[in-house]
Protein backbone atom coordinates (compact mmCIF):
# COMPACT_ATOMS: atom_id res chain seq x y z
CA UNK A 1 -20.13 -18.09 -10.65
CA UNK A 2 -22.79 -17.63 -8.03
CA UNK A 3 -26.37 -16.40 -8.46
CA UNK A 4 -25.12 -12.85 -7.77
CA UNK A 5 -21.41 -12.85 -8.67
CA UNK A 6 -19.19 -13.84 -11.61
CA UNK A 7 -15.51 -14.68 -11.29
CA UNK A 8 -13.46 -14.74 -14.50
CA UNK A 9 -9.80 -15.70 -15.02
CA UNK A 10 -8.31 -15.24 -18.46
CA UNK A 11 -5.17 -16.81 -19.85
CA UNK A 12 -4.37 -13.78 -22.01
CA UNK A 13 -1.80 -12.51 -19.55
CA UNK A 14 0.69 -9.95 -20.83
CA UNK A 15 0.22 -10.65 -24.53
CA UNK A 16 0.83 -7.83 -26.96
CA UNK A 17 -2.03 -5.33 -27.09
CA UNK A 18 -4.08 -4.77 -30.22
CA UNK A 19 -2.88 -2.02 -32.56
CA UNK A 20 -6.08 -0.08 -31.89
CA UNK A 21 -6.87 -0.59 -28.19
CA UNK A 22 -10.13 1.35 -28.21
CA UNK A 23 -11.17 2.45 -24.72
CA UNK A 24 -8.10 2.52 -22.50
CA UNK A 25 -7.48 3.47 -18.89
CA UNK A 26 -4.00 4.90 -19.36
CA UNK A 27 -1.61 5.53 -22.24
CA UNK A 28 1.93 4.21 -22.24
CA UNK A 29 4.64 2.98 -24.59
CA UNK A 30 5.21 -0.09 -22.40
CA UNK A 31 3.62 -3.03 -24.33
CA UNK A 32 2.70 -4.96 -21.16
CA UNK A 33 0.94 -1.96 -19.65
CA UNK A 34 -0.78 -1.21 -22.99
CA UNK A 35 -2.13 -4.79 -22.97
CA UNK A 36 -3.39 -4.29 -19.41
CA UNK A 37 -4.95 -0.94 -20.26
CA UNK A 38 -6.76 -2.46 -23.25
CA UNK A 39 -7.99 -5.40 -21.16
CA UNK A 40 -9.34 -3.06 -18.46
CA UNK A 41 -11.22 -1.13 -21.14
CA UNK A 42 -12.73 -4.37 -22.46
CA UNK A 43 -13.78 -5.47 -18.96
CA UNK A 44 -15.36 -2.08 -18.32
CA UNK A 45 -17.42 -2.44 -21.50
CA UNK A 46 -18.52 -5.90 -20.29
CA UNK A 47 -19.83 -4.33 -17.07
CA UNK A 48 -17.32 -5.54 -14.48
CA UNK A 49 -17.55 -3.72 -11.15
CA UNK A 50 -14.26 -4.90 -9.62
CA UNK A 51 -11.12 -6.16 -11.36
CA UNK A 52 -8.17 -7.51 -9.37
CA UNK A 53 -4.90 -7.12 -11.26
CA UNK A 54 -1.80 -9.06 -10.23
CA UNK A 55 1.67 -8.80 -11.71
CA UNK A 56 1.75 -5.20 -12.98
CA UNK A 57 3.47 -3.20 -10.21
CA UNK A 58 4.17 -0.23 -12.52
CA UNK A 59 0.49 0.19 -13.46
CA UNK A 60 -1.07 3.45 -12.23
CA UNK A 61 -3.85 1.63 -10.35
CA UNK A 62 -4.89 1.52 -6.67
CA UNK A 63 -2.53 -1.00 -5.07
CA UNK A 64 -2.63 -3.41 -2.14
CA UNK A 65 0.97 -4.19 -1.22
CA UNK A 66 1.68 -7.83 -0.45
CA UNK A 67 5.05 -8.99 0.81
CA UNK A 68 8.04 -6.71 1.17
CA UNK A 69 7.58 -4.48 -1.90
CA UNK A 70 8.63 -0.87 -1.39
CA UNK A 71 5.61 1.48 -1.64
CA UNK A 72 7.72 3.77 -3.82
CA UNK A 73 8.20 0.93 -6.35
CA UNK A 74 4.56 0.77 -7.45
CA UNK A 75 2.82 2.96 -9.98
CA UNK A 76 -0.47 3.40 -8.16
CA UNK A 77 -1.68 4.80 -4.87
CA UNK A 78 -1.19 2.29 -2.03
CA UNK A 79 -4.65 1.70 -0.54
CA UNK A 80 -3.80 -1.23 1.73
CA UNK A 81 -1.34 -3.96 2.65
CA UNK A 82 -1.48 -7.72 2.88
CA UNK A 83 -1.03 -7.51 6.65
CA UNK A 84 -4.37 -5.74 7.13
CA UNK A 85 -7.61 -7.36 8.15
CA UNK A 86 -9.33 -8.94 5.12
CA UNK A 87 -12.71 -7.38 5.94
CA UNK A 88 -11.05 -3.97 6.08
CA UNK A 89 -9.37 -4.50 2.70
CA UNK A 90 -12.68 -5.54 1.16
CA UNK A 91 -14.32 -2.37 2.49
CA UNK A 92 -11.44 -0.30 1.13
CA UNK A 93 -11.77 -1.85 -2.34
CA UNK A 94 -15.54 -1.41 -2.37
CA UNK A 95 -15.10 2.23 -1.35
CA UNK A 96 -12.73 3.13 -4.18
CA UNK A 97 -13.99 5.52 -6.82
CA UNK A 98 -14.55 3.96 -10.25
CA UNK A 99 -11.63 4.41 -12.62
CA UNK A 100 -13.77 6.57 -14.88
CA UNK A 101 -11.12 9.28 -14.91
CA UNK A 102 -8.42 7.90 -17.16
CA UNK A 103 -4.75 8.55 -16.54
CA UNK A 104 -3.62 10.22 -19.75
CA UNK A 105 0.11 10.51 -19.11
CA UNK A 106 2.20 9.31 -22.03
CA UNK A 107 4.76 7.85 -19.63
CA UNK A 108 2.32 6.25 -17.15
CA UNK A 109 4.01 3.42 -15.33
CA UNK A 110 7.29 3.58 -17.23
CA UNK A 111 10.16 1.97 -15.40
């Protein structure tokens, strides 16, 4: 934590989502993605501006590709790559629209 920023890491990981997730970002039958969707809703309610998600390639979220992953193998729009300039990636992330428009597909991110 700094005077202006908070950094939070949780150990919840890919645990099973609650039966009633409340505010969600996308709907899916995949339990890991449901847990992620529920967590994103909770973080939104807590007022987070930026959330970096790692380990959910099928999630329908803006994606920065790192390594040799095929762009067609991710569930979200590719907005950058790990080979780009860090300052440029930061600007790209800051310029993204808020995820206020939820993805309502019942098969979002299914693989």
